Protein backbone atom coordinates (compact mmCIF):
# COMPACT_ATOMS: atom_id res chain seq x y z
CA MET A 1 0.01 75.71 4.60
CA THR A 2 -0.98 76.71 7.86
CA GLU A 3 1.31 79.22 9.02
CA PRO A 4 3.50 78.24 12.41
CA LEU A 5 3.02 79.66 15.96
CA LEU A 6 6.77 79.71 16.54
CA GLU A 7 8.85 80.92 13.52
CA VAL A 8 12.69 81.71 14.48
CA GLN A 9 14.24 83.22 11.40
CA ASP A 10 18.05 83.46 10.91
CA LEU A 11 19.08 83.90 14.56
CA SER A 12 22.11 84.64 16.05
CA VAL A 13 23.64 85.03 19.53
CA ARG A 14 27.59 85.67 20.49
CA PHE A 15 29.72 85.55 23.23
CA GLY A 16 32.87 87.86 22.94
CA GLY A 17 34.59 85.50 20.16
CA ILE A 18 32.05 82.61 20.50
CA THR A 19 28.87 82.30 18.10
CA ALA A 20 26.64 80.26 20.05
CA LEU A 21 23.85 80.40 17.33
CA ASP A 22 24.79 80.81 13.57
CA HIS A 23 21.85 82.28 11.58
CA VAL A 24 18.98 79.52 13.55
CA GLY A 25 15.55 79.13 11.76
CA VAL A 26 12.80 76.45 13.60
CA ASN A 27 9.15 76.53 13.45
CA VAL A 28 6.48 74.90 15.37
CA ALA A 29 3.28 74.70 13.70
CA PRO A 30 -0.08 74.24 15.14
CA GLY A 31 -0.08 71.39 17.63
CA GLU A 32 3.35 70.21 16.84
CA ILE A 33 5.68 68.50 19.07
CA VAL A 34 8.97 69.41 17.86
CA GLY A 35 12.30 67.92 19.34
CA LEU A 36 15.80 69.33 19.50
CA LEU A 37 18.38 67.46 19.15
CA GLY A 38 22.14 67.67 19.83
CA PRO A 39 25.14 67.27 22.29
CA ASN A 40 26.32 69.51 24.90
CA GLY A 41 27.09 73.16 23.94
CA ALA A 42 25.08 72.72 20.35
CA GLY A 43 22.87 75.41 21.34
CA LYS A 44 19.82 74.44 22.25
CA THR A 45 19.33 75.94 25.76
CA THR A 46 20.35 79.15 23.99
CA LEU A 47 18.21 78.74 21.95
CA PHE A 48 15.55 78.45 24.00
CA ASN A 49 16.91 81.57 26.02
CA ALA A 50 16.47 83.78 22.78
CA ILE A 51 13.09 82.39 22.41
CA SER A 52 12.25 82.83 26.00
CA GLY A 53 13.46 86.06 26.15
CA PHE A 54 16.61 85.81 28.79
CA GLN A 55 19.32 86.22 26.04
CA LYS A 56 19.14 88.62 23.14
CA PRO A 57 19.81 87.96 20.50
CA ASP A 58 22.75 89.71 18.00
CA SER A 59 20.60 89.21 14.95
CA GLY A 60 17.89 87.32 13.85
CA ARG A 61 13.33 87.69 14.67
CA ILE A 62 11.06 85.62 17.24
CA LEU A 63 7.93 85.98 15.52
CA LEU A 64 4.69 84.27 18.32
CA ASN A 65 1.23 84.07 17.00
CA GLY A 66 2.43 86.07 14.01
CA GLU A 67 3.60 89.19 16.45
CA ASP A 68 7.49 89.75 16.55
CA VAL A 69 8.12 89.50 19.50
CA THR A 70 12.15 89.72 19.36
CA HIS A 71 12.43 93.01 21.87
CA LEU A 72 9.69 91.79 23.94
CA LEU A 73 10.90 90.70 28.38
CA PRO A 74 10.14 87.37 29.35
CA TYR A 75 7.02 88.31 31.35
CA GLU A 76 5.44 89.81 27.79
CA ARG A 77 6.08 87.01 25.97
CA VAL A 78 4.11 84.59 28.45
CA ALA A 79 1.44 87.37 27.44
CA ALA A 80 1.95 86.50 24.32
CA GLY A 81 1.42 82.58 24.43
CA LEU A 82 4.53 81.43 25.72
CA GLY A 83 5.30 78.99 28.62
CA ARG A 84 8.77 77.67 29.20
CA THR A 85 10.28 74.86 32.36
CA PHE A 86 13.66 74.93 32.89
CA GLN A 87 16.09 72.24 33.46
CA HIS A 88 16.02 73.06 37.36
CA VAL A 89 12.36 73.42 38.95
CA ARG A 90 11.23 77.14 40.39
CA LEU A 91 8.39 76.87 43.00
CA PHE A 92 7.18 78.19 46.28
CA SER A 93 8.40 75.94 48.73
CA ASN A 94 6.12 77.46 50.79
CA LEU A 95 3.26 76.99 49.36
CA THR A 96 1.07 74.08 48.46
CA VAL A 97 0.88 72.14 45.32
CA ARG A 98 -2.64 74.34 44.68
CA GLU A 99 -1.52 77.48 46.19
CA ASN A 100 1.92 77.23 43.97
CA LEU A 101 -0.92 76.37 40.63
CA LEU A 102 -2.96 79.67 41.91
CA VAL A 103 0.15 81.90 42.40
CA ALA A 104 1.28 80.83 38.64
CA GLN A 105 -2.02 82.94 37.53
CA HIS A 106 -1.66 86.16 39.20
CA ARG A 107 0.19 88.02 36.83
CA HIS A 108 -2.34 87.66 34.65
CA LEU A 109 -5.36 88.34 36.24
CA SER A 110 -6.84 91.83 34.54
CA SER A 111 -8.06 92.94 38.15
CA GLY A 112 -6.08 94.92 40.67
CA SER A 113 -5.28 95.76 44.00
CA TRP A 114 -7.74 98.13 44.16
CA SER A 115 -10.57 95.13 43.20
CA ALA A 116 -8.97 92.48 45.48
CA MET A 117 -8.85 94.87 48.39
CA LEU A 118 -12.49 95.90 47.90
CA ARG A 119 -13.69 92.54 46.51
CA LEU A 120 -15.04 93.80 43.72
CA PRO A 121 -17.18 91.12 41.40
CA SER A 122 -14.58 91.88 38.72
CA TRP A 123 -12.07 90.54 41.46
CA ARG A 124 -14.24 87.55 41.99
CA ARG A 125 -14.27 86.61 38.41
CA ASP A 126 -10.31 86.52 38.23
CA GLU A 127 -10.27 84.14 40.99
CA GLU A 128 -13.13 82.10 39.82
CA ARG A 129 -11.29 81.29 36.62
CA ALA A 130 -8.25 80.88 38.51
CA GLU A 131 -9.49 78.41 40.58
CA GLU A 132 -11.38 76.64 37.47
CA ARG A 133 -7.72 76.62 36.05
CA ALA A 134 -6.09 75.23 39.11
CA GLU A 135 -9.00 72.80 39.21
CA ARG A 136 -8.07 71.72 35.66
CA MET A 137 -4.54 70.99 35.91
CA LEU A 138 -4.79 69.31 39.34
CA ASP A 139 -6.59 66.39 37.19
CA MET A 140 -4.89 66.84 33.76
CA ILE A 141 -1.54 66.25 35.38
CA ASP A 142 -2.59 63.84 38.00
CA LEU A 143 -1.29 65.58 40.70
CA ARG A 144 -5.30 65.89 43.08
CA ALA A 145 -3.32 63.12 45.48
CA TRP A 146 -0.94 65.88 46.23
CA GLU A 147 -3.16 69.33 46.44
CA ALA A 148 -2.63 70.15 49.67
CA SER A 149 0.97 68.87 50.08
CA TYR A 150 4.17 71.35 50.25
CA PRO A 151 6.90 71.27 47.72
CA PRO A 152 9.90 69.85 49.83
CA SER A 153 7.60 66.88 50.55
CA LEU A 154 6.88 65.69 46.79
CA SER A 155 9.43 63.57 45.04
CA TYR A 156 11.27 65.01 42.40
CA GLY A 157 9.49 64.05 39.49
CA THR A 158 6.39 64.99 40.94
CA THR A 159 7.87 68.80 41.46
CA ARG A 160 8.63 68.52 37.96
CA PHE A 161 4.82 67.79 36.90
CA LEU A 162 3.77 70.50 39.43
CA GLU A 163 6.11 72.91 37.28
CA LEU A 164 4.77 71.76 34.04
CA ALA A 165 1.31 71.81 35.80
CA ALA A 166 1.96 75.74 36.32
CA VAL A 167 3.14 76.65 33.14
CA LEU A 168 0.16 75.16 31.51
CA SER A 169 -2.43 76.76 33.70
CA LEU A 170 -1.13 80.01 31.77
CA GLU A 171 -2.79 78.45 29.23
CA PRO A 172 -0.04 79.16 26.32
CA SER A 173 0.01 78.60 22.83
CA VAL A 174 3.86 77.15 22.74
CA LEU A 175 5.04 75.07 25.29
CA LEU A 176 8.75 75.50 25.80
CA LEU A 177 10.18 71.80 27.63
CA ASP A 178 13.91 71.81 28.73
CA GLU A 179 14.85 68.30 29.45
CA PRO A 180 11.16 67.30 31.19
CA ALA A 181 12.69 63.64 32.04
CA SER A 182 15.65 64.96 33.50
CA GLY A 183 16.35 63.21 37.05
CA ILE A 184 13.27 61.81 37.04
CA GLN A 185 12.58 58.02 37.45
CA GLN A 186 11.67 55.44 35.31
CA LYS A 187 8.30 54.71 35.70
CA GLU A 188 7.62 58.70 35.49
CA VAL A 189 9.88 58.56 32.19
CA GLU A 190 7.19 56.14 31.06
CA ALA A 191 4.39 58.20 31.88
CA LEU A 192 5.92 61.80 30.70
CA GLY A 193 5.03 60.93 26.14
CA PRO A 194 1.58 60.29 27.11
CA LEU A 195 1.21 62.86 29.49
CA LEU A 196 2.57 65.31 26.73
CA ARG A 197 0.27 64.19 23.81
CA ARG A 198 -2.93 64.66 26.30
CA ILE A 199 -1.96 68.33 26.78
CA ARG A 200 -1.53 69.10 23.53
CA ASP A 201 -4.28 66.72 22.39
CA GLU A 202 -6.59 68.63 25.39
CA THR A 203 -4.89 71.93 25.11
CA GLY A 204 -4.50 72.34 22.04
CA CYS A 205 -0.35 74.01 22.59
CA SER A 206 2.06 73.72 20.37
CA ILE A 207 5.54 71.87 21.99
CA MET A 208 9.11 72.05 21.41
CA LEU A 209 11.87 70.13 23.52
CA ILE A 210 14.89 69.56 24.37
CA GLU A 211 15.66 65.88 25.41
CA HIS A 212 18.58 64.00 26.44
CA ASP A 213 16.27 61.01 26.83
CA MET A 214 16.60 59.41 23.22
CA GLY A 215 14.04 57.16 23.41
CA LEU A 216 11.28 59.48 25.08
CA LEU A 217 12.39 62.44 22.37
CA LEU A 218 12.32 60.17 19.17
CA GLU A 219 9.26 58.78 20.33
CA LEU A 220 7.32 61.88 20.78
CA SER A 221 8.39 64.24 17.89
CA GLU A 222 6.51 64.34 15.33
CA ARG A 223 9.40 66.78 13.90
CA ILE A 224 12.66 67.17 14.66
CA TYR A 225 15.41 70.27 14.30
CA ALA A 226 19.80 68.51 15.27
CA LEU A 227 22.10 71.24 15.74
CA ASP A 228 25.07 71.75 16.00
CA PHE A 229 27.99 74.41 16.95
CA GLY A 230 25.41 76.38 16.68
CA ARG A 231 23.90 75.59 13.01
CA VAL A 232 20.96 73.73 12.27
CA ILE A 233 22.44 70.37 10.70
CA ALA A 234 19.11 68.76 9.67
CA GLU A 235 15.64 68.49 9.90
CA GLY A 236 12.56 66.10 9.22
CA SER A 237 11.02 63.19 11.00
CA PRO A 238 12.76 61.11 13.53
CA ASP A 239 13.45 58.58 10.95
CA GLU A 240 15.24 61.00 8.86
CA VAL A 241 17.13 63.19 11.04
CA THR A 242 18.89 60.02 13.18
CA LYS A 243 19.76 58.28 9.35
CA ASP A 244 20.91 61.92 8.32
CA SER A 245 25.13 61.12 7.87
CA ARG A 246 25.94 64.85 9.64
CA VAL A 247 23.96 63.67 12.74
CA LEU A 248 25.46 60.57 12.90
CA SER A 249 28.87 61.73 12.72
CA SER A 250 28.31 64.76 14.94
CA TYR A 251 25.98 63.74 17.55
CA LEU A 252 25.22 60.10 17.80
CA GLY A 253 29.15 59.44 16.35
CA ARG A 254 30.46 61.30 19.57
CA THR A 255 27.66 59.24 21.82
CA ARG A 256 29.13 56.41 20.52
CA ARG A 257 33.08 57.23 20.93
CA ALA A 258 32.08 58.29 25.01
CA HIS A 259 30.98 54.98 25.55
CA ALA A 260 33.57 53.41 23.90
CA SER A 261 36.27 55.44 26.33
CA ALA A 262 33.89 54.98 29.21
């Protein structure tokens, strides 16, 4: 059996008397797209925060590419191969699309400030690699038409795609996507599924995503974990999970009741 690229083992997170994650275990295999399903408050974002280093777990371990990263800082996990987007886009509004892609890579360049000031060969090589990655992302994410534009002039959907391109320019082996379809137009949602598959196929990265657009989540995911009250209540293919009685009663049942009362 192939070793998972990302493995979360028996992870628990508590906020005072509230248990946000209760001995959660999930894994993502190389090249796999895995979805997280669950109602608001189920623990999905807390799990992402713990994996990416923004939330300290009370117990459990997080392995990335076989390395225990449980106690690493967020930027150290990025260096180890983890990439993440957030529900709210974070970009430099005073930089162009191309410049945002270049700046995103600077903390991972091997040459230091002295090399840059003296324009040494190591600095030039770093700059060339950064330019190559930016060029690749402009084409892969279809941002070429906006490369000289500034984020405030872009549609919200395009800024979300730019954030995705900036994260991908760091060449992560595992990519966490927190509601990538949130707030974007329907035509952009329709383009998102094929785009994420292309990203997986062309870069080889594994993807785990939280997404409230059920159609997109079920279409895109090869495997799904369902969470409720901080616990994994089901795991399997989209068809298996959506037919699971625990999922039907916890998530899909709540959704139907909410629609009925609206």
